[in-house]
């Protein structure tokens, strides 16, 4: 984290003493989805919450946890609306907490990236992802930060749904903890060092 401390020290005099961020992990509710590829957004937030020793509480349209780091407040949201209605929860919590779209980070799986590959962007298309599609529709913009986590496209023709709703292979599980640790650092960096620095530090890792 020394690299992050240096960036934060440079930026601290430009940042208000308290800033709110909404970190949204996309997934589907229900025990049958817990360990599926499509739920990597939930899994990343669960990992971070456990690491920071905070618990999720059920609230309107999702489960919420809050962590505070160096004067920043990070609201972790796991929508309980199911994937294709994720935008409803995102919009509600943005408005309730008065959080600007530049301070939200949407975490989602991506079939177009190899397993564990990280791609952070300030805007983009929904890429056929139903969660992103609904967020874009309800926010009326595609210009919001997103963090895509690669799950690869190692499925046979016609098996996409079964693949994304399938569980990780043993090989993927072995590598997942390291990727979850990096993902948690990305979230902290986004809040402390900003989107641009975070993209430069983590894209391609």
C-alpha atoms as a PDB file:
ATOM      1  CA  UNK A   1       0.000   0.000   0.000  1.00  0.00           C
ATOM      2  CA  UNK A   2       3.018   2.357   0.088  1.00  0.00           C
ATOM      3  CA  UNK A   3       2.368   3.386  -3.541  1.00  0.00           C
ATOM      4  CA  UNK A   4      -1.158   4.394  -2.550  1.00  0.00           C
ATOM      5  CA  UNK A   5      -0.041   6.407   0.479  1.00  0.00           C
ATOM      6  CA  UNK A   6       2.233   8.514  -1.728  1.00  0.00           C
ATOM      7  CA  UNK A   7      -0.581   9.317  -4.151  1.00  0.00           C
ATOM      8  CA  UNK A   8      -3.006  10.103  -1.345  1.00  0.00           C
ATOM      9  CA  UNK A   9      -0.533  12.452   0.366  1.00  0.00           C
ATOM     10  CA  UNK A  10      -0.227  14.410  -2.885  1.00  0.00           C
ATOM     11  CA  UNK A  11      -3.994  14.627  -3.293  1.00  0.00           C
ATOM     12  CA  UNK A  12      -5.107  15.137   0.321  1.00  0.00           C
ATOM     13  CA  UNK A  13      -4.994  18.918   0.191  1.00  0.00           C
ATOM     14  CA  UNK A  14      -7.391  18.840  -2.761  1.00  0.00           C
ATOM     15  CA  UNK A  15      -9.934  16.483  -1.221  1.00  0.00           C
ATOM     16  CA  UNK A  16     -12.698  17.354   1.246  1.00  0.00           C
ATOM     17  CA  UNK A  17     -12.387  15.806   4.692  1.00  0.00           C
ATOM     18  CA  UNK A  18     -15.247  13.456   3.886  1.00  0.00           C
ATOM     19  CA  UNK A  19     -16.308  12.044   0.554  1.00  0.00           C
ATOM     20  CA  UNK A  20     -18.922   9.402  -0.087  1.00  0.00           C
ATOM     21  CA  UNK A  21     -18.537   6.624  -2.606  1.00  0.00           C
ATOM     22  CA  UNK A  22     -21.001   3.980  -3.709  1.00  0.00           C
ATOM     23  CA  UNK A  23     -19.329   0.681  -4.551  1.00  0.00           C
ATOM     24  CA  UNK A  24     -21.781  -1.674  -6.246  1.00  0.00           C
ATOM     25  CA  UNK A  25     -21.110  -5.357  -6.744  1.00  0.00           C
ATOM     26  CA  UNK A  26     -23.485  -6.975  -9.226  1.00  0.00           C
ATOM     27  CA  UNK A  27     -24.911 -10.422  -8.684  1.00  0.00           C
ATOM     28  CA  UNK A  28     -28.034 -12.471  -8.084  1.00  0.00           C
ATOM     29  CA  UNK A  29     -29.513 -13.152  -4.661  1.00  0.00           C
ATOM     30  CA  UNK A  30     -30.060 -16.688  -3.438  1.00  0.00           C
ATOM     31  CA  UNK A  31     -27.799 -19.430  -2.117  1.00  0.00           C
ATOM     32  CA  UNK A  32     -27.762 -21.187  -5.500  1.00  0.00           C
ATOM     33  CA  UNK A  33     -25.864 -18.240  -7.009  1.00  0.00           C
ATOM     34  CA  UNK A  34     -23.283 -17.609  -4.277  1.00  0.00           C
ATOM     35  CA  UNK A  35     -20.313 -19.304  -5.947  1.00  0.00           C
ATOM     36  CA  UNK A  36     -21.227 -18.629  -9.563  1.00  0.00           C
ATOM     37  CA  UNK A  37     -19.158 -16.596 -12.011  1.00  0.00           C
ATOM     38  CA  UNK A  38     -21.964 -14.080 -12.497  1.00  0.00           C
ATOM     39  CA  UNK A  39     -21.746 -13.183  -8.787  1.00  0.00           C
ATOM     40  CA  UNK A  40     -18.138 -11.991  -8.758  1.00  0.00           C
ATOM     41  CA  UNK A  41     -19.373  -8.494  -7.821  1.00  0.00           C
ATOM     42  CA  UNK A  42     -20.961  -9.839  -4.637  1.00  0.00           C
ATOM     43  CA  UNK A  43     -17.906 -11.975  -3.923  1.00  0.00           C
ATOM     44  CA  UNK A  44     -15.501  -9.031  -4.161  1.00  0.00           C
ATOM     45  CA  UNK A  45     -17.599  -6.930  -1.779  1.00  0.00           C
ATOM     46  CA  UNK A  46     -17.938  -9.845   0.648  1.00  0.00           C
ATOM     47  CA  UNK A  47     -14.167 -10.234   0.618  1.00  0.00           C
ATOM     48  CA  UNK A  48     -13.584  -6.534   1.314  1.00  0.00           C
ATOM     49  CA  UNK A  49     -16.236  -6.374   4.038  1.00  0.00           C
ATOM     50  CA  UNK A  50     -14.754  -9.418   5.767  1.00  0.00           C
ATOM     51  CA  UNK A  51     -11.265  -7.932   5.527  1.00  0.00           C
ATOM     52  CA  UNK A  52     -12.446  -4.644   7.029  1.00  0.00           C
ATOM     53  CA  UNK A  53     -14.529  -6.493   9.650  1.00  0.00           C
ATOM     54  CA  UNK A  54     -17.869  -4.949   8.727  1.00  0.00           C
ATOM     55  CA  UNK A  55     -21.179  -6.713   8.140  1.00  0.00           C
ATOM     56  CA  UNK A  56     -23.868  -6.271   5.515  1.00  0.00           C
ATOM     57  CA  UNK A  57     -27.329  -5.240   6.652  1.00  0.00           C
ATOM     58  CA  UNK A  58     -30.448  -5.721   4.586  1.00  0.00           C
ATOM     59  CA  UNK A  59     -31.879  -2.365   3.540  1.00  0.00           C
ATOM     60  CA  UNK A  60     -34.078  -1.049   0.748  1.00  0.00           C
ATOM     61  CA  UNK A  61     -33.276  -2.722  -2.595  1.00  0.00           C
ATOM     62  CA  UNK A  62     -30.093  -4.353  -1.342  1.00  0.00           C
ATOM     63  CA  UNK A  63     -27.606  -5.294   1.355  1.00  0.00           C
ATOM     64  CA  UNK A  64     -25.429  -2.419   2.587  1.00  0.00           C
ATOM     65  CA  UNK A  65     -22.163  -2.194   4.500  1.00  0.00           C
ATOM     66  CA  UNK A  66     -20.021   0.862   5.186  1.00  0.00           C
ATOM     67  CA  UNK A  67     -16.279   1.209   5.561  1.00  0.00           C
ATOM     68  CA  UNK A  68     -14.340   4.373   6.302  1.00  0.00           C
ATOM     69  CA  UNK A  69     -10.815   4.916   5.054  1.00  0.00           C
ATOM     70  CA  UNK A  70      -8.829   8.124   5.570  1.00  0.00           C
ATOM     71  CA  UNK A  71     -11.882  10.372   5.720  1.00  0.00           C
ATOM     72  CA  UNK A  72     -13.735   8.655   2.906  1.00  0.00           C
ATOM     73  CA  UNK A  73     -16.969   6.777   3.406  1.00  0.00           C
ATOM     74  CA  UNK A  74     -17.491   3.773   1.142  1.00  0.00           C
ATOM     75  CA  UNK A  75     -20.989   2.344   0.928  1.00  0.00           C
ATOM     76  CA  UNK A  76     -20.833  -1.240  -0.331  1.00  0.00           C
ATOM     77  CA  UNK A  77     -24.052  -2.248  -2.085  1.00  0.00           C
ATOM     78  CA  UNK A  78     -25.207  -5.685  -3.176  1.00  0.00           C
ATOM     79  CA  UNK A  79     -28.540  -5.121  -4.969  1.00  0.00           C
ATOM     80  CA  UNK A  80     -31.268  -7.636  -4.117  1.00  0.00           C
ATOM     81  CA  UNK A  81     -33.247  -6.827  -7.255  1.00  0.00           C
ATOM     82  CA  UNK A  82     -31.682  -9.581  -9.372  1.00  0.00           C
ATOM     83  CA  UNK A  83     -29.197  -8.718 -12.063  1.00  0.00           C
ATOM     84  CA  UNK A  84     -31.472  -7.281 -14.748  1.00  0.00           C
ATOM     85  CA  UNK A  85     -32.948  -4.672 -12.360  1.00  0.00           C
ATOM     86  CA  UNK A  86     -29.670  -3.573 -10.747  1.00  0.00           C
ATOM     87  CA  UNK A  87     -30.142   0.025 -11.872  1.00  0.00           C
ATOM     88  CA  UNK A  88     -33.110   0.444  -9.549  1.00  0.00           C
ATOM     89  CA  UNK A  89     -30.928  -0.100  -6.472  1.00  0.00           C
ATOM     90  CA  UNK A  90     -28.034   1.962  -7.838  1.00  0.00           C
ATOM     91  CA  UNK A  91     -30.248   4.960  -8.586  1.00  0.00           C
ATOM     92  CA  UNK A  92     -32.038   4.775  -5.234  1.00  0.00           C
ATOM     93  CA  UNK A  93     -28.833   4.752  -3.162  1.00  0.00           C
ATOM     94  CA  UNK A  94     -27.147   7.412  -5.276  1.00  0.00           C
ATOM     95  CA  UNK A  95     -30.083   9.728  -4.665  1.00  0.00           C
ATOM     96  CA  UNK A  96     -30.559   8.803  -1.005  1.00  0.00           C
ATOM     97  CA  UNK A  97     -26.896   9.404  -0.143  1.00  0.00           C
ATOM     98  CA  UNK A  98     -26.428  12.267  -2.617  1.00  0.00           C
ATOM     99  CA  UNK A  99     -23.549  10.532  -4.395  1.00  0.00           C
ATOM    100  CA  UNK A 100     -22.413  11.794  -7.798  1.00  0.00           C
ATOM    101  CA  UNK A 101     -22.010   9.309 -10.648  1.00  0.00           C
ATOM    102  CA  UNK A 102     -18.240   9.929 -10.712  1.00  0.00           C
ATOM    103  CA  UNK A 103     -18.140   8.498  -7.186  1.00  0.00           C
ATOM    104  CA  UNK A 104     -19.841   5.224  -7.996  1.00  0.00           C
ATOM    105  CA  UNK A 105     -17.979   2.101  -9.047  1.00  0.00           C
ATOM    106  CA  UNK A 106     -19.892  -0.795 -10.612  1.00  0.00           C
ATOM    107  CA  UNK A 107     -18.199  -4.195 -10.316  1.00  0.00           C
ATOM    108  CA  UNK A 108     -19.240  -6.838 -12.797  1.00  0.00           C
ATOM    109  CA  UNK A 109     -18.174 -10.025 -14.549  1.00  0.00           C
ATOM    110  CA  UNK A 110     -16.984  -9.899 -18.157  1.00  0.00           C
ATOM    111  CA  UNK A 111     -17.019 -12.784 -20.624  1.00  0.00           C
ATOM    112  CA  UNK A 112     -14.753 -10.925 -23.035  1.00  0.00           C
ATOM    113  CA  UNK A 113     -11.788 -10.906 -20.643  1.00  0.00           C
ATOM    114  CA  UNK A 114      -9.709 -13.914 -19.661  1.00  0.00           C
ATOM    115  CA  UNK A 115     -10.133 -15.188 -16.110  1.00  0.00           C
ATOM    116  CA  UNK A 116      -9.014 -12.698 -13.480  1.00  0.00           C
ATOM    117  CA  UNK A 117      -8.169  -9.947 -15.967  1.00  0.00           C
ATOM    118  CA  UNK A 118      -8.997  -6.486 -14.672  1.00  0.00           C
ATOM    119  CA  UNK A 119     -10.405  -3.650 -16.774  1.00  0.00           C
ATOM    120  CA  UNK A 120     -11.339  -0.347 -15.132  1.00  0.00           C
ATOM    121  CA  UNK A 121     -12.999   2.306 -17.283  1.00  0.00           C
ATOM    122  CA  UNK A 122     -14.721   5.651 -16.854  1.00  0.00           C
ATOM    123  CA  UNK A 123     -17.471   4.803 -19.344  1.00  0.00           C
ATOM    124  CA  UNK A 124     -18.449   2.273 -21.989  1.00  0.00           C
ATOM    125  CA  UNK A 125     -21.198   0.157 -23.467  1.00  0.00           C
ATOM    126  CA  UNK A 126     -23.115  -2.459 -21.500  1.00  0.00           C
ATOM    127  CA  UNK A 127     -21.367  -5.174 -23.538  1.00  0.00           C
ATOM    128  CA  UNK A 128     -24.540  -7.251 -23.470  1.00  0.00           C
ATOM    129  CA  UNK A 129     -24.484  -7.416 -19.668  1.00  0.00           C
ATOM    130  CA  UNK A 130     -28.039  -7.154 -18.329  1.00  0.00           C
ATOM    131  CA  UNK A 131     -26.988  -5.465 -15.088  1.00  0.00           C
ATOM    132  CA  UNK A 132     -25.046  -2.730 -16.865  1.00  0.00           C
ATOM    133  CA  UNK A 133     -27.851  -2.383 -19.403  1.00  0.00           C
ATOM    134  CA  UNK A 134     -30.376  -1.593 -16.677  1.00  0.00           C
ATOM    135  CA  UNK A 135     -28.024   0.787 -14.863  1.00  0.00           C
ATOM    136  CA  UNK A 136     -27.424   2.692 -18.087  1.00  0.00           C
ATOM    137  CA  UNK A 137     -31.162   2.856 -18.740  1.00  0.00           C
ATOM    138  CA  UNK A 138     -32.091   4.209 -15.291  1.00  0.00           C
ATOM    139  CA  UNK A 139     -29.146   6.596 -14.932  1.00  0.00           C
ATOM    140  CA  UNK A 140     -29.647   7.697 -18.545  1.00  0.00           C
ATOM    141  CA  UNK A 141     -25.915   7.580 -19.186  1.00  0.00           C
ATOM    142  CA  UNK A 142     -23.116   5.146 -19.944  1.00  0.00           C
ATOM    143  CA  UNK A 143     -20.571   7.475 -18.380  1.00  0.00           C
ATOM    144  CA  UNK A 144     -19.945   6.032 -14.941  1.00  0.00           C
ATOM    145  CA  UNK A 145     -16.900   4.173 -13.567  1.00  0.00           C
ATOM    146  CA  UNK A 146     -16.964   0.403 -13.881  1.00  0.00           C
ATOM    147  CA  UNK A 147     -14.618  -2.389 -12.863  1.00  0.00           C
ATOM    148  CA  UNK A 148     -14.871  -5.469 -15.061  1.00  0.00           C
ATOM    149  CA  UNK A 149     -13.528  -8.776 -13.779  1.00  0.00           C
ATOM    150  CA  UNK A 150     -12.776 -11.329 -16.473  1.00  0.00           C
ATOM    151  CA  UNK A 151     -14.462 -14.730 -16.260  1.00  0.00           C
ATOM    152  CA  UNK A 152     -13.362 -15.817 -19.792  1.00  0.00           C
ATOM    153  CA  UNK A 153     -15.560 -17.345 -22.484  1.00  0.00           C
ATOM    154  CA  UNK A 154     -14.575 -20.996 -22.111  1.00  0.00           C
ATOM    155  CA  UNK A 155     -17.977 -22.399 -23.014  1.00  0.00           C
ATOM    156  CA  UNK A 156     -19.412 -24.241 -25.974  1.00  0.00           C
ATOM    157  CA  UNK A 157     -21.906 -22.645 -28.343  1.00  0.00           C
ATOM    158  CA  UNK A 158     -25.299 -22.282 -26.707  1.00  0.00           C
ATOM    159  CA  UNK A 159     -23.911 -22.772 -23.194  1.00  0.00           C
ATOM    160  CA  UNK A 160     -23.343 -19.143 -22.193  1.00  0.00           C
ATOM    161  CA  UNK A 161     -26.118 -18.990 -19.576  1.00  0.00           C
ATOM    162  CA  UNK A 162     -25.028 -22.247 -17.969  1.00  0.00           C
ATOM    163  CA  UNK A 163     -21.441 -21.016 -17.966  1.00  0.00           C
ATOM    164  CA  UNK A 164     -22.011 -17.643 -16.282  1.00  0.00           C
ATOM    165  CA  UNK A 165     -24.387 -19.223 -13.773  1.00  0.00           C
ATOM    166  CA  UNK A 166     -21.976 -22.103 -13.238  1.00  0.00           C
ATOM    167  CA  UNK A 167     -19.464 -22.397 -10.403  1.00  0.00           C
ATOM    168  CA  UNK A 168     -15.729 -21.743 -10.604  1.00  0.00           C
ATOM    169  CA  UNK A 169     -13.438 -24.598 -11.565  1.00  0.00           C
ATOM    170  CA  UNK A 170     -10.933 -25.870  -8.990  1.00  0.00           C
ATOM    171  CA  UNK A 171      -8.138 -24.131 -10.890  1.00  0.00           C
ATOM    172  CA  UNK A 172     -10.041 -20.832 -10.853  1.00  0.00           C
ATOM    173  CA  UNK A 173     -10.769 -21.195  -7.144  1.00  0.00           C
ATOM    174  CA  UNK A 174      -7.046 -21.595  -6.440  1.00  0.00           C
ATOM    175  CA  UNK A 175      -6.286 -18.316  -8.197  1.00  0.00           C
ATOM    176  CA  UNK A 176      -9.328 -16.417  -6.989  1.00  0.00           C
ATOM    177  CA  UNK A 177      -8.058 -15.329  -3.560  1.00  0.00           C
ATOM    178  CA  UNK A 178      -5.136 -13.419  -5.061  1.00  0.00           C
ATOM    179  CA  UNK A 179      -7.493 -11.711  -7.522  1.00  0.00           C
ATOM    180  CA  UNK A 180      -9.939 -10.836  -4.733  1.00  0.00           C
ATOM    181  CA  UNK A 181      -7.128  -9.203  -2.778  1.00  0.00           C
ATOM    182  CA  UNK A 182      -6.192  -7.097  -5.801  1.00  0.00           C
ATOM    183  CA  UNK A 183      -9.866  -6.232  -6.316  1.00  0.00           C
ATOM    184  CA  UNK A 184     -10.114  -4.953  -2.733  1.00  0.00           C
ATOM    185  CA  UNK A 185      -7.062  -2.750  -3.326  1.00  0.00           C
ATOM    186  CA  UNK A 186      -8.695  -1.373  -6.478  1.00  0.00           C
ATOM    187  CA  UNK A 187     -11.757  -0.277  -4.513  1.00  0.00           C
ATOM    188  CA  UNK A 188      -9.629   1.502  -1.904  1.00  0.00           C
ATOM    189  CA  UNK A 189      -7.521   3.123  -4.599  1.00  0.00           C
ATOM    190  CA  UNK A 190     -10.628   4.378  -6.401  1.00  0.00           C
ATOM    191  CA  UNK A 191     -11.774   6.208  -3.264  1.00  0.00           C
ATOM    192  CA  UNK A 192      -8.346   7.420  -2.120  1.00  0.00           C
ATOM    193  CA  UNK A 193      -6.362   8.047  -5.308  1.00  0.00           C
ATOM    194  CA  UNK A 194      -9.079   8.583  -7.913  1.00  0.00           C
ATOM    195  CA  UNK A 195     -10.178   6.797 -11.058  1.00  0.00           C
ATOM    196  CA  UNK A 196      -7.335   7.862 -13.348  1.00  0.00           C
ATOM    197  CA  UNK A 197      -4.581   6.754 -10.964  1.00  0.00           C
ATOM    198  CA  UNK A 198      -6.422   3.506 -10.284  1.00  0.00           C
ATOM    199  CA  UNK A 199      -6.713   2.756 -14.001  1.00  0.00           C
ATOM    200  CA  UNK A 200      -3.007   3.407 -14.485  1.00  0.00           C
ATOM    201  CA  UNK A 201      -2.025   1.234 -11.538  1.00  0.00           C
ATOM    202  CA  UNK A 202      -4.273  -1.763 -12.058  1.00  0.00           C
ATOM    203  CA  UNK A 203      -5.465  -2.142 -15.656  1.00  0.00           C
ATOM    204  CA  UNK A 204      -3.909  -5.239 -17.164  1.00  0.00           C
ATOM    205  CA  UNK A 205      -2.754  -6.663 -13.837  1.00  0.00           C
END
